[in-house]
Amino acid sequence: MDAVNRRKFLQVAGSVAASASVARGAAEKVRVGVYGTQHGHVVSKMRALRASSEYEIVGVHEPDQTTRKQRETEELFAGLKFVGGDDLLGNNSIDLILVECKIRQAIEWGNKVLDAGRHLHLEKPPSPDMEPFRKLVDKAKSKKRLLQLGYNYRWHEGMLAAIDAAKEGWLGDVYLLRATMNSDRGEAQRALEAQYPGGSFFELCGHMIDRAVELWGRPGKVTSFLRHDTSEPDDLRDNTLAVLEYDKSMALISTASKMPNSGGHRSFELIGSDGSFFIQPISGDRTMRVNMRRARGPYKEGWQEIHLKPHPYDKYEFEDMARAIRSGEPLKHSYDHELLVHETLLRASGHMS
């Protein structure tokens, strides 16, 4: 990524570890517990925590014995102490607890963490309903506990660069965000996602709704197409699209659930009258293409390709959490942002009007 001035790419993420005035002391590690291990993000979250010099993993709780026995054999959990739920929640030396569970457990387990007085990292999507999540956020605010949702593409350097360029005015009138989150779901995962009206959209597309909300806020109108179009013998909404309409722009976000090698297709585009960003694939070894009507900021006139090296998004969200715990300052993404993202996801996935 040498061709690009990184001045703005990770402006927040790059500063989170540099806070010199901290409540707990910069040299003291944040003590963290892991409550549940069955969410799809748990591997990347554990990898980020174990690689970080800022965190100490105190214990792991997994109530399902079959899953626990499997996790105990895995390298990412090697040497960690598995404990009971009450033991984890009752450990007053723990600062932060990650809730890495199935969707329908998230609100219950998140409430337990807040009631125990811990800061909370809660996986996405947090609930198929709005009101239980709203009450959880209110509890976090009243207890002055940090609440961070696991939308880790918030820290994707290419998406950060695109949104920053839009906010700087370099892209002119930014009128279209287009993103795909295709997958190749097996029978077990299809069955899980079929429990929700939004199907695979509800499970995956909050990542991109989060990006649209950060750029434009609450959409005035949301129109969704939630279809079952494959020959799979279930009723999963497996071919879905939502259109988020704003005063002068739209976000088109889609996911299809039966696409081989789907990871290479996932994409993010931000298009304006004076410049555009195109990222595909969005994970792994990626190329970002930028097209500018005239040179602006670090970008030259015309088309250019920028190579993005593999990037540990989870690293940066946990750096932001460590900074906030130590300094007593807010997280980058506010309680209100988390509420608006979830409201918009539920609107787009047919869970609320």
Protein backbone atom coordinates (compact mmCIF):
# COMPACT_ATOMS: atom_id res chain seq x y z
CA MET A 1 0.00 0.00 0.00
CA ASP A 2 3.06 2.27 -0.42
CA ALA A 3 1.37 4.25 -3.19
CA VAL A 4 -1.17 5.67 -0.80
CA ASN A 5 -0.67 8.23 1.92
CA ARG A 6 -1.96 6.46 5.03
CA ARG A 7 -2.60 9.74 6.85
CA LYS A 8 -6.30 9.07 7.23
CA PHE A 9 -6.64 5.35 6.64
CA LEU A 10 -6.47 4.33 10.28
CA GLN A 11 -6.61 7.69 11.95
CA VAL A 12 -8.51 6.38 14.93
CA ALA A 13 -7.09 2.87 14.97
CA GLY A 14 -3.54 4.10 14.74
CA SER A 15 -3.91 6.27 17.81
CA VAL A 16 -5.75 3.93 20.13
CA ALA A 17 -2.62 2.39 21.59
CA ALA A 18 -0.91 5.73 22.13
CA SER A 19 -2.96 7.13 24.99
CA ALA A 20 -0.51 8.27 27.65
CA SER A 21 -3.08 9.43 30.18
CA VAL A 22 -4.91 6.32 31.24
CA ALA A 23 -7.10 5.35 34.15
CA ARG A 24 -5.56 1.93 34.76
CA GLY A 25 -1.99 2.53 33.66
CA ALA A 26 -0.61 2.03 30.18
CA ALA A 27 1.57 -0.91 31.22
CA GLU A 28 -1.25 -2.83 32.88
CA LYS A 29 -2.99 -5.36 30.66
CA VAL A 30 -6.74 -5.38 30.19
CA ARG A 31 -8.07 -8.57 31.75
CA VAL A 32 -10.64 -10.24 29.53
CA GLY A 33 -12.99 -13.20 29.72
CA VAL A 34 -14.65 -15.05 26.86
CA TYR A 35 -18.29 -16.08 27.41
CA GLY A 36 -19.22 -18.64 24.76
CA THR A 37 -17.24 -19.91 21.77
CA GLN A 38 -19.85 -20.77 19.12
CA HIS A 39 -20.04 -17.54 17.11
CA GLY A 40 -18.42 -17.54 13.67
CA HIS A 41 -16.10 -14.69 14.68
CA VAL A 42 -14.62 -16.43 17.71
CA VAL A 43 -11.53 -17.69 15.86
CA SER A 44 -10.48 -14.26 14.60
CA LYS A 45 -11.30 -12.65 17.96
CA MET A 46 -9.22 -15.19 19.88
CA ARG A 47 -6.36 -14.82 17.42
CA ALA A 48 -6.39 -11.04 17.88
CA LEU A 49 -6.52 -11.24 21.68
CA ARG A 50 -3.74 -13.80 21.91
CA ALA A 51 -1.52 -11.75 19.61
CA SER A 52 -2.11 -8.53 21.55
CA SER A 53 0.26 -7.26 24.22
CA GLU A 54 -2.60 -5.23 25.70
CA TYR A 55 -4.78 -8.12 26.86
CA GLU A 56 -4.62 -11.03 29.27
CA ILE A 57 -7.23 -13.77 28.77
CA VAL A 58 -8.32 -14.78 32.26
CA GLY A 59 -10.81 -17.51 31.41
CA VAL A 60 -13.22 -19.02 28.91
CA HIS A 61 -16.75 -20.28 29.56
CA GLU A 62 -18.45 -22.65 27.12
CA PRO A 63 -21.65 -24.21 28.50
CA ASP A 64 -21.99 -26.83 25.78
CA GLN A 65 -19.80 -29.73 26.83
CA THR A 66 -19.27 -31.11 23.32
CA THR A 67 -18.14 -27.71 22.05
CA ARG A 68 -15.97 -27.19 25.12
CA LYS A 69 -14.14 -30.46 24.63
CA GLN A 70 -13.48 -29.55 21.00
CA ARG A 71 -12.22 -26.08 21.87
CA GLU A 72 -9.87 -27.49 24.49
CA THR A 73 -8.04 -29.39 21.74
CA GLU A 74 -7.59 -26.33 19.50
CA GLU A 75 -4.40 -24.31 19.35
CA LEU A 76 -6.13 -20.96 19.89
CA PHE A 77 -7.45 -22.15 23.26
CA ALA A 78 -4.32 -24.02 24.33
CA GLY A 79 -3.28 -23.19 27.89
CA LEU A 80 -6.44 -21.20 28.65
CA LYS A 81 -8.55 -21.95 31.68
CA PHE A 82 -12.13 -23.08 31.05
CA VAL A 83 -14.39 -22.07 33.93
CA GLY A 84 -18.04 -21.99 34.89
CA GLY A 85 -20.22 -19.08 33.91
CA ASP A 86 -20.64 -17.81 37.47
CA ASP A 87 -16.91 -18.09 38.04
CA LEU A 88 -16.20 -15.94 35.00
CA LEU A 89 -18.87 -13.33 35.76
CA GLY A 90 -17.93 -13.22 39.43
CA ASN A 91 -14.25 -12.60 38.84
CA ASN A 92 -13.87 -8.97 39.86
CA SER A 93 -10.42 -8.72 38.29
CA ILE A 94 -11.93 -8.98 34.79
CA ASP A 95 -12.45 -5.70 32.91
CA LEU A 96 -14.04 -6.90 29.68
CA ILE A 97 -16.08 -9.93 28.61
CA LEU A 98 -16.56 -11.03 25.01
CA VAL A 99 -19.90 -12.70 24.32
CA GLU A 100 -19.32 -15.13 21.43
CA CYS A 101 -22.56 -17.08 21.28
CA LYS A 102 -25.51 -17.86 19.04
CA ILE A 103 -27.82 -14.96 18.18
CA ARG A 104 -30.71 -15.98 20.41
CA GLN A 105 -28.42 -16.16 23.47
CA ALA A 106 -26.77 -12.79 22.94
CA ILE A 107 -29.15 -10.47 24.82
CA GLU A 108 -29.46 -12.79 27.83
CA TRP A 109 -25.72 -13.30 28.08
CA GLY A 110 -24.98 -9.63 27.41
CA ASN A 111 -27.26 -8.64 30.28
CA LYS A 112 -25.40 -11.02 32.58
CA VAL A 113 -22.12 -9.37 31.68
CA LEU A 114 -23.44 -5.86 32.33
CA ASP A 115 -25.12 -6.95 35.58
CA ALA A 116 -21.73 -8.28 36.67
CA GLY A 117 -20.28 -4.81 36.07
CA ARG A 118 -18.05 -5.68 33.12
CA HIS A 119 -17.53 -3.91 29.82
CA LEU A 120 -19.11 -5.83 26.95
CA HIS A 121 -18.03 -6.85 23.46
CA LEU A 122 -21.14 -8.38 21.87
CA GLU A 123 -21.18 -10.21 18.57
CA LYS A 124 -23.36 -9.32 15.64
CA PRO A 125 -26.23 -9.38 15.00
CA PRO A 126 -27.19 -8.95 18.66
CA SER A 127 -30.91 -9.73 18.50
CA PRO A 128 -33.77 -10.50 16.09
CA ASP A 129 -35.76 -7.79 17.90
CA MET A 130 -35.19 -4.12 18.66
CA GLU A 131 -36.57 -3.56 22.14
CA PRO A 132 -34.39 -6.12 23.99
CA PHE A 133 -31.31 -4.59 22.38
CA ARG A 134 -32.46 -1.06 23.21
CA LYS A 135 -32.85 -2.08 26.86
CA LEU A 136 -29.38 -3.64 26.82
CA VAL A 137 -27.89 -0.40 25.48
CA ASP A 138 -29.77 1.62 28.10
CA LYS A 139 -28.36 -0.66 30.80
CA ALA A 140 -24.82 -0.21 29.51
CA LYS A 141 -25.26 3.57 29.53
CA SER A 142 -26.76 3.66 33.02
CA LYS A 143 -23.98 1.46 34.40
CA LYS A 144 -21.34 3.42 32.50
CA ARG A 145 -20.11 0.26 30.83
CA LEU A 146 -18.65 0.21 27.34
CA LEU A 147 -20.62 -1.67 24.67
CA GLN A 148 -18.97 -2.63 21.38
CA LEU A 149 -20.60 -4.63 18.58
CA GLY A 150 -18.47 -7.04 16.55
CA TYR A 151 -18.82 -5.33 13.17
CA ASN A 152 -15.13 -5.63 12.42
CA TYR A 153 -15.26 -4.13 8.90
CA ARG A 154 -15.44 -0.81 10.74
CA TRP A 155 -11.68 -1.13 10.80
CA HIS A 156 -11.16 -2.17 7.16
CA GLU A 157 -8.49 0.24 5.90
CA GLY A 158 -9.92 0.40 2.38
CA MET A 159 -13.45 1.18 3.56
CA LEU A 160 -12.07 3.71 6.01
CA ALA A 161 -10.16 5.35 3.16
CA ALA A 162 -13.27 5.47 0.96
CA ILE A 163 -15.48 6.96 3.67
CA ASP A 164 -12.78 9.43 4.64
CA ALA A 165 -12.41 10.53 0.99
CA ALA A 166 -16.17 11.04 0.81
CA LYS A 167 -16.20 13.14 3.98
CA GLU A 168 -13.25 15.21 2.74
CA GLY A 169 -15.27 16.05 -0.37
CA TRP A 170 -12.76 14.44 -2.74
CA LEU A 171 -15.43 12.24 -4.37
CA GLY A 172 -17.85 15.07 -5.12
CA ASP A 173 -21.51 14.09 -4.75
CA VAL A 174 -21.37 10.59 -3.28
CA TYR A 175 -24.60 9.01 -4.45
CA LEU A 176 -24.12 5.22 -4.34
CA LEU A 177 -22.77 2.60 -1.97
CA ARG A 178 -22.97 -0.92 -3.36
CA ALA A 179 -21.86 -3.99 -1.44
CA THR A 180 -22.15 -7.77 -1.65
CA MET A 181 -21.72 -10.33 1.14
CA ASN A 182 -22.24 -13.64 -0.66
CA SER A 183 -21.59 -16.99 1.04
CA ASP A 184 -21.83 -20.73 0.48
CA ARG A 185 -23.89 -21.93 3.43
CA GLY A 186 -24.07 -25.57 4.38
CA GLU A 187 -27.14 -27.33 5.71
CA ALA A 188 -26.55 -26.58 9.41
CA GLN A 189 -25.90 -22.87 8.90
CA ARG A 190 -28.85 -22.57 6.51
CA ALA A 191 -31.09 -24.04 9.19
CA LEU A 192 -29.88 -21.49 11.73
CA GLU A 193 -30.36 -18.54 9.41
CA ALA A 194 -33.78 -19.78 8.25
CA GLN A 195 -35.09 -19.04 11.76
CA TYR A 196 -35.07 -15.34 10.94
CA PRO A 197 -37.28 -13.42 8.47
CA GLY A 198 -34.19 -11.85 6.91
CA GLY A 199 -32.37 -15.15 6.50
CA SER A 200 -28.79 -14.70 5.37
CA PHE A 201 -29.22 -10.94 5.02
CA PHE A 202 -29.87 -10.64 8.75
CA GLU A 203 -26.80 -12.73 9.58
CA LEU A 204 -24.28 -11.07 7.25
CA CYS A 205 -25.31 -7.69 5.93
CA GLY A 206 -25.14 -5.72 9.15
CA HIS A 207 -21.47 -5.28 8.28
CA MET A 208 -22.36 -3.14 5.27
CA ILE A 209 -25.35 -1.43 6.85
CA ASP A 210 -22.90 -0.30 9.51
CA ARG A 211 -20.79 1.35 6.78
CA ALA A 212 -23.80 3.10 5.24
CA VAL A 213 -24.96 4.37 8.63
CA GLU A 214 -21.51 5.73 9.43
CA LEU A 215 -21.52 7.62 6.15
CA TRP A 216 -25.12 8.83 5.90
CA GLY A 217 -27.01 8.02 9.12
CA ARG A 218 -30.62 6.80 9.22
CA PRO A 219 -32.13 6.03 5.79
CA GLY A 220 -35.44 7.66 4.98
CA LYS A 221 -36.78 4.58 3.20
CA VAL A 222 -35.75 0.91 3.16
CA THR A 223 -36.96 -1.52 0.48
CA SER A 224 -36.04 -5.19 0.69
CA PHE A 225 -36.25 -8.22 -1.55
CA LEU A 226 -35.97 -11.35 0.61
CA ARG A 227 -36.27 -14.35 -1.70
CA HIS A 228 -35.65 -18.10 -1.67
CA ASP A 229 -34.38 -18.84 -5.17
CA THR A 230 -32.17 -21.93 -4.94
CA SER A 231 -33.34 -25.55 -5.11
CA GLU A 232 -32.25 -26.20 -1.53
CA PRO A 233 -35.09 -27.97 0.36
CA ASP A 234 -35.65 -25.27 2.98
CA ASP A 235 -37.21 -21.84 3.26
CA LEU A 236 -34.07 -19.81 3.89
CA ARG A 237 -34.16 -16.36 2.31
CA ASP A 238 -31.03 -17.07 0.30
CA ASN A 239 -31.13 -14.41 -2.43
CA THR A 240 -31.62 -11.02 -0.83
CA LEU A 241 -31.22 -7.32 -1.54
CA ALA A 242 -31.97 -4.16 0.42
CA VAL A 243 -32.04 -0.61 -0.91
CA LEU A 244 -31.44 2.13 1.66
CA GLU A 245 -32.63 5.49 0.34
CA TYR A 246 -31.30 8.84 1.53
CA ASP A 247 -32.02 12.37 0.28
CA LYS A 248 -29.26 12.35 -2.33
CA SER A 249 -27.88 8.81 -2.25
CA MET A 250 -28.64 5.10 -2.03
CA ALA A 251 -27.00 2.02 -0.56
CA LEU A 252 -27.57 -1.29 -2.37
CA ILE A 253 -26.61 -4.24 -0.18
CA SER A 254 -27.06 -7.88 -1.16
CA THR A 255 -26.18 -11.42 -0.22
CA ALA A 256 -26.66 -14.78 -1.93
CA SER A 257 -26.14 -17.94 0.12
CA LYS A 258 -25.18 -20.57 -2.44
CA MET A 259 -22.12 -19.34 -4.31
CA PRO A 260 -18.94 -21.41 -4.57
CA ASN A 261 -15.74 -19.54 -3.68
CA SER A 262 -17.93 -16.69 -2.50
CA GLY A 263 -15.26 -14.99 -0.43
CA GLY A 264 -13.53 -13.80 -3.58
CA HIS A 265 -16.74 -12.11 -4.72
CA ARG A 266 -17.51 -10.02 -1.67
CA SER A 267 -17.17 -6.36 -2.55
CA PHE A 268 -17.55 -2.76 -1.46
CA GLU A 269 -18.01 0.21 -3.80
CA LEU A 270 -18.45 3.90 -3.06
CA ILE A 271 -19.28 6.00 -6.12
CA GLY A 272 -19.33 9.79 -6.43
CA SER A 273 -19.49 12.40 -9.16
CA ASP A 274 -15.74 13.15 -8.89
CA GLY A 275 -14.30 9.85 -7.70
CA SER A 276 -15.00 6.24 -6.75
CA PHE A 277 -13.55 3.38 -4.70
CA PHE A 278 -13.88 -0.30 -5.63
CA ILE A 279 -12.70 -3.09 -3.31
CA GLN A 280 -12.99 -6.75 -4.33
CA PRO A 281 -12.45 -9.05 -2.57
CA ILE A 282 -12.79 -7.27 0.74
CA SER A 283 -10.82 -9.83 2.76
CA GLY A 284 -7.48 -11.55 2.40
CA ASP A 285 -5.14 -10.44 -0.37
CA ARG A 286 -7.03 -7.53 -1.87
CA THR A 287 -6.83 -4.84 -4.52
CA MET A 288 -8.55 -1.49 -4.17
CA ARG A 289 -9.18 0.47 -7.37
CA VAL A 290 -9.60 4.22 -7.13
CA ASN A 291 -10.84 6.44 -9.94
CA MET A 292 -10.57 10.23 -9.63
CA ARG A 293 -11.72 12.98 -11.97
CA ARG A 294 -8.74 15.03 -10.78
CA ALA A 295 -5.96 14.49 -8.26
CA ARG A 296 -7.25 14.92 -4.71
CA GLY A 297 -5.48 14.18 -1.44
CA PRO A 298 -3.17 11.18 -1.91
CA TYR A 299 -4.96 10.03 -5.09
CA LYS A 300 -3.92 10.82 -8.64
CA GLU A 301 -6.16 11.64 -11.59
CA GLY A 302 -7.66 8.62 -13.35
CA TRP A 303 -7.49 4.99 -12.32
CA GLN A 304 -5.01 3.51 -9.88
CA GLU A 305 -4.72 0.13 -8.20
CA ILE A 306 -3.70 -0.06 -4.56
CA HIS A 307 -2.68 -3.36 -3.05
CA LEU A 308 -4.06 -3.94 0.45
CA LYS A 309 -2.16 -6.49 2.49
CA PRO A 310 -4.02 -8.90 4.80
CA HIS A 311 -5.35 -6.80 7.64
CA PRO A 312 -6.40 -7.96 11.16
CA TYR A 313 -9.56 -5.90 11.65
CA ASP A 314 -10.18 -7.39 15.10
CA LYS A 315 -6.85 -6.02 16.28
CA TYR A 316 -8.06 -2.47 15.82
CA GLU A 317 -11.45 -2.90 17.49
CA PHE A 318 -9.72 -4.34 20.54
CA GLU A 319 -7.18 -1.51 20.54
CA ASP A 320 -10.10 0.92 20.58
CA MET A 321 -11.66 -0.97 23.49
CA ALA A 322 -8.39 -1.02 25.45
CA ARG A 323 -7.95 2.73 24.88
CA ALA A 324 -11.48 3.45 26.11
CA ILE A 325 -11.16 1.24 29.20
CA ARG A 326 -7.87 2.82 30.20
CA SER A 327 -8.74 6.43 29.47
CA GLY A 328 -12.38 6.45 30.52
CA GLU A 329 -13.22 8.02 27.16
CA PRO A 330 -15.93 6.76 24.75
CA LEU A 331 -15.42 4.16 22.06
CA LYS A 332 -15.17 5.38 18.48
CA HIS A 333 -18.70 4.10 17.80
CA SER A 334 -21.30 5.46 20.21
CA TYR A 335 -24.28 3.81 21.88
CA ASP A 336 -26.53 5.73 19.47
CA HIS A 337 -24.58 4.42 16.48
CA GLU A 338 -25.04 0.83 17.67
CA LEU A 339 -28.77 1.41 18.08
CA LEU A 340 -29.16 2.96 14.64
CA VAL A 341 -27.21 0.19 12.92
CA HIS A 342 -29.41 -2.44 14.54
CA GLU A 343 -32.61 -0.57 13.79
CA THR A 344 -31.61 -0.27 10.13
CA LEU A 345 -30.60 -3.94 9.91
CA LEU A 346 -33.97 -5.00 11.33
CA ARG A 347 -35.79 -2.74 8.87
CA ALA A 348 -33.79 -4.12 5.94
CA SER A 349 -34.18 -7.76 6.95
CA GLY A 350 -37.95 -7.65 7.43
CA HIS A 351 -37.93 -7.83 11.23
CA MET A 352 -39.52 -4.39 11.67
CA SER A 353 -41.03 -1.72 9.46
